[in-house]
C-alpha atoms as a PDB file:
ATOM      1  CA  MET A   1     -27.020-100.172 -69.005  1.00  0.00           C
ATOM      2  CA  TYR A   2     -24.507 -97.351 -68.503  1.00  0.00           C
ATOM      3  CA  VAL A   3     -27.185 -95.191 -66.917  1.00  0.00           C
ATOM      4  CA  ILE A   4     -28.010 -97.973 -64.454  1.00  0.00           C
ATOM      5  CA  LEU A   5     -24.324 -98.327 -63.545  1.00  0.00           C
ATOM      6  CA  ARG A   6     -24.117 -94.557 -63.018  1.00  0.00           C
ATOM      7  CA  LEU A   7     -27.140 -94.733 -60.707  1.00  0.00           C
ATOM      8  CA  ILE A   8     -25.695 -97.675 -58.769  1.00  0.00           C
ATOM      9  CA  ILE A   9     -22.319 -96.007 -58.248  1.00  0.00           C
ATOM     10  CA  GLY A  10     -24.037 -92.758 -57.343  1.00  0.00           C
ATOM     11  CA  SER A  11     -26.198 -94.627 -54.827  1.00  0.00           C
ATOM     12  CA  VAL A  12     -23.145 -96.208 -53.221  1.00  0.00           C
ATOM     13  CA  PHE A  13     -21.648 -92.769 -52.601  1.00  0.00           C
ATOM     14  CA  LEU A  14     -24.996 -91.360 -51.465  1.00  0.00           C
ATOM     15  CA  VAL A  15     -25.469 -94.084 -48.860  1.00  0.00           C
ATOM     16  CA  SER A  16     -21.839 -93.977 -47.762  1.00  0.00           C
ATOM     17  CA  GLY A  17     -21.696 -90.200 -47.426  1.00  0.00           C
ATOM     18  CA  PHE A  18     -25.173 -89.814 -45.969  1.00  0.00           C
ATOM     19  CA  SER A  19     -24.576 -92.420 -43.272  1.00  0.00           C
ATOM     20  CA  LYS A  20     -21.452 -90.576 -42.107  1.00  0.00           C
ATOM     21  CA  VAL A  21     -22.883 -87.057 -42.398  1.00  0.00           C
ATOM     22  CA  LEU A  22     -25.826 -87.969 -40.157  1.00  0.00           C
ATOM     23  CA  ALA A  23     -23.563 -89.311 -37.410  1.00  0.00           C
ATOM     24  CA  PRO A  24     -21.150 -87.253 -35.306  1.00  0.00           C
ATOM     25  CA  TYR A  25     -17.857 -86.869 -37.163  1.00  0.00           C
ATOM     26  CA  GLN A  26     -16.076 -88.560 -34.250  1.00  0.00           C
ATOM     27  CA  ASN A  27     -17.641 -91.879 -35.295  1.00  0.00           C
ATOM     28  CA  PHE A  28     -15.876 -91.700 -38.652  1.00  0.00           C
ATOM     29  CA  LEU A  29     -12.770 -90.294 -36.973  1.00  0.00           C
ATOM     30  CA  TYR A  30     -12.367 -93.597 -35.112  1.00  0.00           C
ATOM     31  CA  VAL A  31     -12.503 -95.425 -38.440  1.00  0.00           C
ATOM     32  CA  VAL A  32      -9.914 -93.105 -40.008  1.00  0.00           C
ATOM     33  CA  GLN A  33      -7.634 -93.553 -36.988  1.00  0.00           C
ATOM     34  CA  ALA A  34      -7.904 -97.352 -37.231  1.00  0.00           C
ATOM     35  CA  TYR A  35      -6.147 -97.250 -40.619  1.00  0.00           C
ATOM     36  CA  GLN A  36      -3.076 -95.638 -38.982  1.00  0.00           C
ATOM     37  CA  LEU A  37      -2.157 -93.734 -42.116  1.00  0.00           C
ATOM     38  CA  LEU A  38      -2.455 -90.001 -41.391  1.00  0.00           C
ATOM     39  CA  PRO A  39      -1.165 -87.567 -38.782  1.00  0.00           C
ATOM     40  CA  SER A  40      -3.779 -86.666 -36.157  1.00  0.00           C
ATOM     41  CA  TRP A  41      -4.604 -83.237 -37.639  1.00  0.00           C
ATOM     42  CA  ALA A  42      -5.247 -84.857 -41.048  1.00  0.00           C
ATOM     43  CA  GLU A  43      -7.366 -87.588 -39.482  1.00  0.00           C
ATOM     44  CA  THR A  44      -9.688 -84.991 -37.980  1.00  0.00           C
ATOM     45  CA  LEU A  45      -9.867 -83.006 -41.210  1.00  0.00           C
ATOM     46  CA  THR A  46     -10.552 -86.171 -43.198  1.00  0.00           C
ATOM     47  CA  ALA A  47     -13.314 -87.261 -40.815  1.00  0.00           C
ATOM     48  CA  GLN A  48     -15.016 -83.879 -41.116  1.00  0.00           C
ATOM     49  CA  ILE A  49     -14.697 -83.322 -44.883  1.00  0.00           C
ATOM     50  CA  PHE A  50     -14.565 -86.729 -46.559  1.00  0.00           C
ATOM     51  CA  PRO A  51     -18.219 -87.714 -45.914  1.00  0.00           C
ATOM     52  CA  TRP A  52     -19.355 -84.507 -47.624  1.00  0.00           C
ATOM     53  CA  ILE A  53     -17.145 -85.250 -50.632  1.00  0.00           C
ATOM     54  CA  GLU A  54     -18.689 -88.722 -50.882  1.00  0.00           C
ATOM     55  CA  LEU A  55     -22.205 -87.342 -50.520  1.00  0.00           C
ATOM     56  CA  LEU A  56     -21.700 -84.640 -53.165  1.00  0.00           C
ATOM     57  CA  THR A  57     -20.079 -87.099 -55.551  1.00  0.00           C
ATOM     58  CA  GLY A  58     -23.089 -89.365 -55.082  1.00  0.00           C
ATOM     59  CA  VAL A  59     -25.565 -86.548 -55.711  1.00  0.00           C
ATOM     60  CA  PHE A  60     -23.801 -85.450 -58.893  1.00  0.00           C
ATOM     61  CA  MET A  61     -23.441 -89.044 -60.133  1.00  0.00           C
ATOM     62  CA  PHE A  62     -27.043 -89.946 -59.378  1.00  0.00           C
ATOM     63  CA  LEU A  63     -28.483 -86.825 -60.979  1.00  0.00           C
ATOM     64  CA  GLY A  64     -26.034 -86.880 -63.863  1.00  0.00           C
ATOM     65  CA  LEU A  65     -24.930 -83.330 -63.218  1.00  0.00           C
ATOM     66  CA  TRP A  66     -21.397 -82.478 -64.330  1.00  0.00           C
ATOM     67  CA  THR A  67     -21.131 -86.174 -65.048  1.00  0.00           C
ATOM     68  CA  PRO A  68     -17.549 -86.247 -66.396  1.00  0.00           C
ATOM     69  CA  TRP A  69     -16.305 -84.477 -63.273  1.00  0.00           C
ATOM     70  CA  ALA A  70     -18.403 -86.670 -60.984  1.00  0.00           C
ATOM     71  CA  LEU A  71     -16.952 -89.766 -62.658  1.00  0.00           C
ATOM     72  CA  ARG A  72     -13.412 -88.435 -62.233  1.00  0.00           C
ATOM     73  CA  GLY A  73     -14.193 -87.786 -58.578  1.00  0.00           C
ATOM     74  CA  ALA A  74     -15.533 -91.329 -58.235  1.00  0.00           C
ATOM     75  CA  VAL A  75     -12.379 -92.741 -59.850  1.00  0.00           C
ATOM     76  CA  THR A  76     -10.270 -90.754 -57.402  1.00  0.00           C
ATOM     77  CA  LEU A  77     -12.333 -91.866 -54.406  1.00  0.00           C
ATOM     78  CA  PHE A  78     -12.326 -95.533 -55.407  1.00  0.00           C
ATOM     79  CA  GLY A  79      -8.570 -95.314 -56.026  1.00  0.00           C
ATOM     80  CA  VAL A  80      -8.048 -93.854 -52.554  1.00  0.00           C
ATOM     81  CA  PHE A  81     -10.257 -96.566 -51.031  1.00  0.00           C
ATOM     82  CA  VAL A  82      -8.287 -99.343 -52.751  1.00  0.00           C
ATOM     83  CA  VAL A  83      -4.971 -97.903 -51.554  1.00  0.00           C
ATOM     84  CA  VAL A  84      -6.136 -97.287 -47.978  1.00  0.00           C
ATOM     85  CA  VAL A  85      -7.817-100.658 -47.513  1.00  0.00           C
ATOM     86  CA  GLY A  86      -5.015-102.418 -49.381  1.00  0.00           C
ATOM     87  CA  GLN A  87      -2.322-100.991 -47.122  1.00  0.00           C
ATOM     88  CA  ALA A  88      -4.368-101.993 -44.079  1.00  0.00           C
ATOM     89  CA  LEU A  89      -4.597-105.560 -45.349  1.00  0.00           C
ATOM     90  CA  ILE A  90      -0.878-105.680 -46.192  1.00  0.00           C
ATOM     91  CA  ARG A  91      -0.024-104.359 -42.715  1.00  0.00           C
ATOM     92  CA  HIS A  92      -2.440-106.856 -41.118  1.00  0.00           C
ATOM     93  CA  LEU A  93      -4.292-104.154 -39.199  1.00  0.00           C
ATOM     94  CA  ALA A  94      -7.046-105.581 -37.028  1.00  0.00           C
ATOM     95  CA  LEU A  95     -10.106-104.137 -38.742  1.00  0.00           C
ATOM     96  CA  ASP A  96     -13.443-105.874 -38.214  1.00  0.00           C
ATOM     97  CA  ASN A  97     -15.281-103.336 -40.331  1.00  0.00           C
ATOM     98  CA  CYS A  98     -14.059-101.097 -43.135  1.00  0.00           C
ATOM     99  CA  GLY A  99     -16.177 -98.171 -41.905  1.00  0.00           C
ATOM    100  CA  CYS A 100     -17.213 -97.387 -45.480  1.00  0.00           C
ATOM    101  CA  PHE A 101     -20.899 -97.040 -44.702  1.00  0.00           C
ATOM    102  CA  GLY A 102     -20.732 -95.728 -41.156  1.00  0.00           C
ATOM    103  CA  GLU A 103     -22.882 -97.714 -38.766  1.00  0.00           C
ATOM    104  CA  TRP A 104     -25.402 -98.721 -41.438  1.00  0.00           C
ATOM    105  CA  ILE A 105     -23.537-101.489 -43.245  1.00  0.00           C
ATOM    106  CA  HIS A 106     -20.584-103.486 -41.920  1.00  0.00           C
ATOM    107  CA  LEU A 107     -18.212-105.048 -44.443  1.00  0.00           C
ATOM    108  CA  GLN A 108     -14.925-106.865 -44.028  1.00  0.00           C
ATOM    109  CA  PRO A 109     -11.882-105.116 -45.590  1.00  0.00           C
ATOM    110  CA  GLN A 110     -11.279-108.179 -47.798  1.00  0.00           C
ATOM    111  CA  THR A 111     -14.762-107.769 -49.276  1.00  0.00           C
ATOM    112  CA  VAL A 112     -14.374-104.031 -49.658  1.00  0.00           C
ATOM    113  CA  ILE A 113     -11.117-104.170 -51.593  1.00  0.00           C
ATOM    114  CA  VAL A 114     -12.736-106.472 -54.160  1.00  0.00           C
ATOM    115  CA  MET A 115     -15.847-104.303 -54.333  1.00  0.00           C
ATOM    116  CA  ASP A 116     -13.876-101.052 -54.639  1.00  0.00           C
ATOM    117  CA  SER A 117     -11.506-102.481 -57.259  1.00  0.00           C
ATOM    118  CA  PHE A 118     -14.450-103.665 -59.343  1.00  0.00           C
ATOM    119  CA  SER A 119     -16.200-100.309 -58.888  1.00  0.00           C
ATOM    120  CA  LEU A 120     -13.021 -98.519 -59.961  1.00  0.00           C
ATOM    121  CA  LEU A 121     -12.920-100.543 -63.175  1.00  0.00           C
ATOM    122  CA  LEU A 122     -16.617 -99.919 -63.825  1.00  0.00           C
ATOM    123  CA  THR A 123     -16.133 -96.194 -63.332  1.00  0.00           C
ATOM    124  CA  PHE A 124     -13.294 -96.191 -65.887  1.00  0.00           C
ATOM    125  CA  VAL A 125     -15.657 -97.946 -68.314  1.00  0.00           C
ATOM    126  CA  LEU A 126     -18.289 -95.267 -67.675  1.00  0.00           C
ATOM    127  CA  LEU A 127     -15.739 -92.540 -68.409  1.00  0.00           C
ATOM    128  CA  ARG A 128     -14.986 -94.165 -71.771  1.00  0.00           C
ATOM    129  CA  HIS A 129     -18.709 -94.184 -72.667  1.00  0.00           C
ATOM    130  CA  ILE A 130     -19.607 -90.762 -71.347  1.00  0.00           C
ATOM    131  CA  SER A 131     -22.226 -89.961 -74.006  1.00  0.00           C
ATOM    132  CA  SER A 132     -24.225 -93.082 -73.057  1.00  0.00           C
ATOM    133  CA  VAL A 133     -23.745 -92.385 -69.353  1.00  0.00           C
ATOM    134  CA  LYS A 134     -25.239 -88.901 -69.763  1.00  0.00           C
ATOM    135  CA  LYS A 135     -28.573 -90.225 -71.074  1.00  0.00           C
ATOM    136  CA  PHE A 136     -31.442 -89.488 -68.692  1.00  0.00           C
ATOM    137  CA  SER A 137     -29.294 -87.013 -66.781  1.00  0.00           C
ATOM    138  CA  LEU A 138     -29.444 -83.347 -65.902  1.00  0.00           C
ATOM    139  CA  ASP A 139     -26.459 -82.874 -68.209  1.00  0.00           C
ATOM    140  CA  SER A 140     -28.482 -84.099 -71.196  1.00  0.00           C
ATOM    141  CA  TYR A 141     -31.385 -81.889 -70.157  1.00  0.00           C
ATOM    142  CA  PHE A 142     -29.185 -78.798 -69.918  1.00  0.00           C
ATOM    143  CA  ASP A 143     -27.394 -79.654 -73.166  1.00  0.00           C
ATOM    144  CA  LYS A 144     -30.758 -79.460 -74.978  1.00  0.00           C
ATOM    145  CA  ALA A 145     -31.776 -76.159 -73.376  1.00  0.00           C
END
C-alpha cells in the first residue's frame, strides 16, 4: 500500500512538473503572478525553476531513489502549495484555475487546497513508514548491492 501511495504522489509531481516544463515558462509565470505573493523578480525565478523541482521530486519519488529526501521535498512542496492557495482563497483572489498542472488539468483552488492538504498528510504518513515505502524502489536495490 505504501509503495502505491509513493507512486501516486510521485506521479502527481511528474505530471505537474512535466506539463509546465514542456510549455514556455511564461505560461506558468502568469499563474505565479495571479497569486500576487512575490516580487516580480521572484515570480520570474519561481516560474523558471519550480517546474523542474516538481519534476525532479516526482522522478525521485516514483523511482524510489533517495526516498527520504524525496518525501521531505514533497512535504515541503505540498506545504508551500497549501499556504499559497490558502492565502489566495483568504484574500478572495479571482482564480479560475490553480495552475497546478499547467494547461493539462484545470482545478478550482477550493479543490486543490483539499487535495494538497490530504496529500501533505499522506506524505507525512509515508515518512513515518519509510522502510515499507522503500520496497520495490531503487533505494532497496542499491541497499542490497
